[in-house]
């Protein structure tokens, strides 16, 4: 990581997107783990998911999911979401807030075609995810293309905190001001 990246707002913004891109393109699932927060019927819900795509030019990130999961219902009720990525290698926390759209069917058919057979089985668990089962293994994993969904998140705000040096550095960026950014107290 360049030593000067924390001195310039645009360097912080660019570096944060590089970290997101690396996570989304990693072959190691744990490198792509992020926390997704949605608004459930009883308040905030958070879960670990794997970020699969990142696009700075469009200010989007994407997560694959089974369309029968509760998070899809939550997003369909209220599409405001947050994503948090902790990068231990760089002591960097990246928080994104924005709106999510759930894509299914023809819109994701080409993406489905790129998945390995073992990956496809994650999208068709029976009974549906979150349902009570009588034993820990009382479910089936079956590839069901119609249950595959992509949660596409359009980022409106980014908050970046670097904890790897003293003083700590924090910056915030908003789509509404063309990502110019501002410094914040960490």
Protein backbone atom coordinates (compact mmCIF):
# COMPACT_ATOMS: atom_id res chain seq x y z
CA UNK A 1 0.00 0.00 0.00
CA UNK A 2 1.44 3.39 -0.91
CA UNK A 3 2.38 5.56 2.07
CA UNK A 4 0.79 8.63 0.50
CA UNK A 5 -2.64 7.13 -0.11
CA UNK A 6 -4.00 8.45 3.19
CA UNK A 7 -3.01 12.05 2.36
CA UNK A 8 -5.32 12.50 -0.65
CA UNK A 9 -9.07 11.94 -0.67
CA UNK A 10 -9.14 10.56 -4.21
CA UNK A 11 -6.33 8.13 -3.37
CA UNK A 12 -8.37 6.82 -0.43
CA UNK A 13 -11.43 6.40 -2.66
CA UNK A 14 -9.44 4.66 -5.40
CA UNK A 15 -7.66 2.35 -2.94
CA UNK A 16 -10.97 1.36 -1.30
CA UNK A 17 -12.38 0.32 -4.69
CA UNK A 18 -9.19 -1.64 -5.41
CA UNK A 19 -9.71 -3.54 -2.14
CA UNK A 20 -13.35 -4.24 -3.10
CA UNK A 21 -12.31 -5.38 -6.60
CA UNK A 22 -9.69 -7.73 -5.16
CA UNK A 23 -12.24 -9.21 -2.77
CA UNK A 24 -14.83 -9.73 -5.50
CA UNK A 25 -12.32 -11.34 -7.85
CA UNK A 26 -10.58 -13.56 -5.30
CA UNK A 27 -10.73 -17.33 -5.80
CA UNK A 28 -10.72 -17.71 -2.00
CA UNK A 29 -14.24 -17.32 -0.61
CA UNK A 30 -13.03 -15.92 2.71
CA UNK A 31 -11.37 -13.04 0.84
CA UNK A 32 -14.74 -12.02 -0.60
CA UNK A 33 -16.66 -12.14 2.68
CA UNK A 34 -18.57 -9.00 3.55
CA UNK A 35 -21.35 -8.25 5.99
CA UNK A 36 -24.67 -7.39 4.37
CA UNK A 37 -27.22 -5.51 6.47
CA UNK A 38 -30.87 -5.27 5.51
CA UNK A 39 -33.98 -4.01 7.27
CA UNK A 40 -36.05 -6.94 8.51
CA UNK A 41 -39.57 -6.95 9.95
CA UNK A 42 -38.17 -6.53 13.47
CA UNK A 43 -35.28 -4.19 12.65
CA UNK A 44 -31.75 -4.57 11.29
CA UNK A 45 -30.54 -7.94 10.01
CA UNK A 46 -26.87 -8.69 9.25
CA UNK A 47 -25.20 -11.71 7.71
CA UNK A 48 -21.91 -12.74 6.12
CA UNK A 49 -22.14 -13.11 2.34
CA UNK A 50 -19.64 -13.35 -0.50
CA UNK A 51 -19.25 -10.30 -2.71
CA UNK A 52 -19.00 -11.56 -6.30
CA UNK A 53 -18.72 -8.37 -8.34
CA UNK A 54 -17.46 -4.83 -7.87
CA UNK A 55 -17.63 -1.99 -10.39
CA UNK A 56 -16.28 1.44 -9.46
CA UNK A 57 -17.45 3.07 -12.71
CA UNK A 58 -21.06 2.10 -11.95
CA UNK A 59 -20.63 2.31 -8.16
CA UNK A 60 -22.07 -1.18 -7.72
CA UNK A 61 -21.28 -4.39 -5.89
CA UNK A 62 -23.10 -7.70 -6.30
CA UNK A 63 -23.88 -10.71 -4.15
CA UNK A 64 -25.32 -14.05 -5.31
CA UNK A 65 -28.13 -15.59 -3.30
CA UNK A 66 -31.05 -18.00 -3.29
CA UNK A 67 -34.17 -15.98 -4.10
CA UNK A 68 -36.06 -17.83 -1.35
CA UNK A 69 -33.88 -16.39 1.45
CA UNK A 70 -35.34 -13.92 3.94
CA UNK A 71 -32.87 -11.24 2.80
CA UNK A 72 -34.58 -11.13 -0.61
CA UNK A 73 -37.96 -10.52 1.02
CA UNK A 74 -36.38 -7.84 3.23
CA UNK A 75 -34.86 -6.08 0.21
CA UNK A 76 -38.12 -6.28 -1.69
CA UNK A 77 -39.87 -4.57 1.27
CA UNK A 78 -37.15 -1.94 1.84
CA UNK A 79 -34.23 -1.79 -0.57
CA UNK A 80 -31.91 0.26 1.66
CA UNK A 81 -28.85 -1.84 2.54
CA UNK A 82 -25.35 -1.56 3.97
CA UNK A 83 -22.25 -3.62 3.21
CA UNK A 84 -19.14 -3.73 5.39
CA UNK A 85 -15.78 -5.13 4.27
CA UNK A 86 -12.92 -5.53 6.72
CA UNK A 87 -9.56 -6.02 5.03
CA UNK A 88 -7.12 -7.28 7.68
CA UNK A 89 -4.18 -7.12 5.28
CA UNK A 90 -4.51 -3.33 5.04
CA UNK A 91 -6.28 -2.67 8.39
CA UNK A 92 -9.05 -1.10 6.37
CA UNK A 93 -12.78 -0.95 7.04
CA UNK A 94 -15.01 -0.03 4.10
CA UNK A 95 -18.69 0.65 4.74
CA UNK A 96 -21.05 1.07 1.81
CA UNK A 97 -24.67 2.19 1.93
CA UNK A 98 -27.07 2.25 -0.96
CA UNK A 99 -30.03 0.54 -2.54
CA UNK A 100 -30.37 -3.05 -3.68
CA UNK A 101 -32.16 -4.58 -6.62
CA UNK A 102 -32.83 -8.33 -6.79
CA UNK A 103 -32.22 -9.69 -10.28
CA UNK A 104 -33.57 -13.11 -11.32
CA UNK A 105 -34.51 -15.14 -14.39
CA UNK A 106 -33.21 -14.00 -17.76
CA UNK A 107 -31.35 -11.09 -16.17
CA UNK A 108 -28.99 -13.55 -14.42
CA UNK A 109 -29.02 -16.52 -16.82
CA UNK A 110 -25.54 -15.78 -18.17
CA UNK A 111 -24.16 -15.55 -14.63
CA UNK A 112 -25.80 -18.89 -13.72
CA UNK A 113 -24.07 -20.47 -16.71
CA UNK A 114 -20.64 -19.49 -15.28
CA UNK A 115 -21.22 -21.31 -11.96
CA UNK A 116 -19.70 -24.71 -11.26
CA UNK A 117 -22.20 -27.52 -10.53
CA UNK A 118 -21.30 -27.52 -6.82
CA UNK A 119 -21.94 -23.76 -6.63
CA UNK A 120 -25.33 -24.11 -8.30
CA UNK A 121 -26.50 -26.39 -5.48
CA UNK A 122 -26.40 -23.38 -3.13
CA UNK A 123 -29.39 -21.95 -4.99
CA UNK A 124 -32.24 -24.36 -4.36
CA UNK A 125 -32.00 -25.58 -0.77
CA UNK A 126 -35.14 -27.45 0.27
CA UNK A 127 -36.84 -26.57 2.53
CA UNK A 128 -36.13 -22.92 1.83
CA UNK A 129 -33.38 -21.19 3.84
CA UNK A 130 -34.45 -20.07 7.29
CA UNK A 131 -37.20 -22.68 7.72
CA UNK A 132 -37.21 -24.90 10.80
CA UNK A 133 -35.95 -28.47 10.22
CA UNK A 134 -36.11 -31.50 12.56
CA UNK A 135 -32.34 -32.26 12.41
CA UNK A 136 -29.15 -30.47 11.37
CA UNK A 137 -29.02 -32.35 8.06
CA UNK A 138 -32.72 -32.50 7.20
CA UNK A 139 -32.43 -30.51 3.98
CA UNK A 140 -31.43 -31.04 0.37
CA UNK A 141 -29.17 -29.01 -1.89
CA UNK A 142 -30.55 -29.02 -5.42
CA UNK A 143 -29.57 -26.70 -8.25
CA UNK A 144 -32.69 -24.74 -9.23
CA UNK A 145 -31.89 -22.06 -11.81
CA UNK A 146 -35.09 -20.13 -11.07
CA UNK A 147 -33.97 -19.69 -7.45
CA UNK A 148 -30.65 -18.06 -8.41
CA UNK A 149 -30.61 -14.31 -7.77
CA UNK A 150 -28.09 -11.51 -7.88
CA UNK A 151 -28.40 -8.71 -5.37
CA UNK A 152 -27.07 -5.66 -7.17
CA UNK A 153 -26.24 -2.84 -4.80
CA UNK A 154 -25.92 0.69 -6.10
CA UNK A 155 -23.59 2.48 -3.72
CA UNK A 156 -24.65 5.96 -2.58
CA UNK A 157 -22.11 6.43 0.23
CA UNK A 158 -18.74 5.02 1.19
CA UNK A 159 -17.02 5.40 4.57
CA UNK A 160 -13.37 4.30 4.73
CA UNK A 161 -11.38 3.92 7.96
CA UNK A 162 -7.69 3.01 8.02
CA UNK A 163 -6.58 1.71 11.43
CA UNK A 164 -3.11 0.49 10.47
CA UNK A 165 -1.21 3.56 11.43
CA UNK A 166 -1.34 6.39 13.92
CA UNK A 167 -3.03 8.69 13.44
CA UNK A 168 -5.95 6.69 12.09
CA UNK A 169 -7.52 8.07 8.91
CA UNK A 170 -11.19 8.27 7.95
CA UNK A 171 -12.88 9.64 4.86
CA UNK A 172 -16.43 9.67 3.53
CA UNK A 173 -17.59 9.80 -0.08
CA UNK A 174 -21.02 10.33 -1.60
CA UNK A 175 -22.34 9.73 -5.07
CA UNK A 176 -24.40 12.93 -4.72
CA UNK A 177 -21.23 15.08 -4.71
CA UNK A 178 -19.52 13.06 -7.46
CA UNK A 179 -17.39 11.17 -4.91
CA UNK A 180 -15.28 14.25 -4.00
CA UNK A 181 -15.09 13.13 -0.39
CA UNK A 182 -14.34 14.73 2.95
CA UNK A 183 -12.18 13.88 5.92
CA UNK A 184 -13.85 12.68 9.13
CA UNK A 185 -12.53 12.20 12.62
CA UNK A 186 -11.85 8.48 13.02
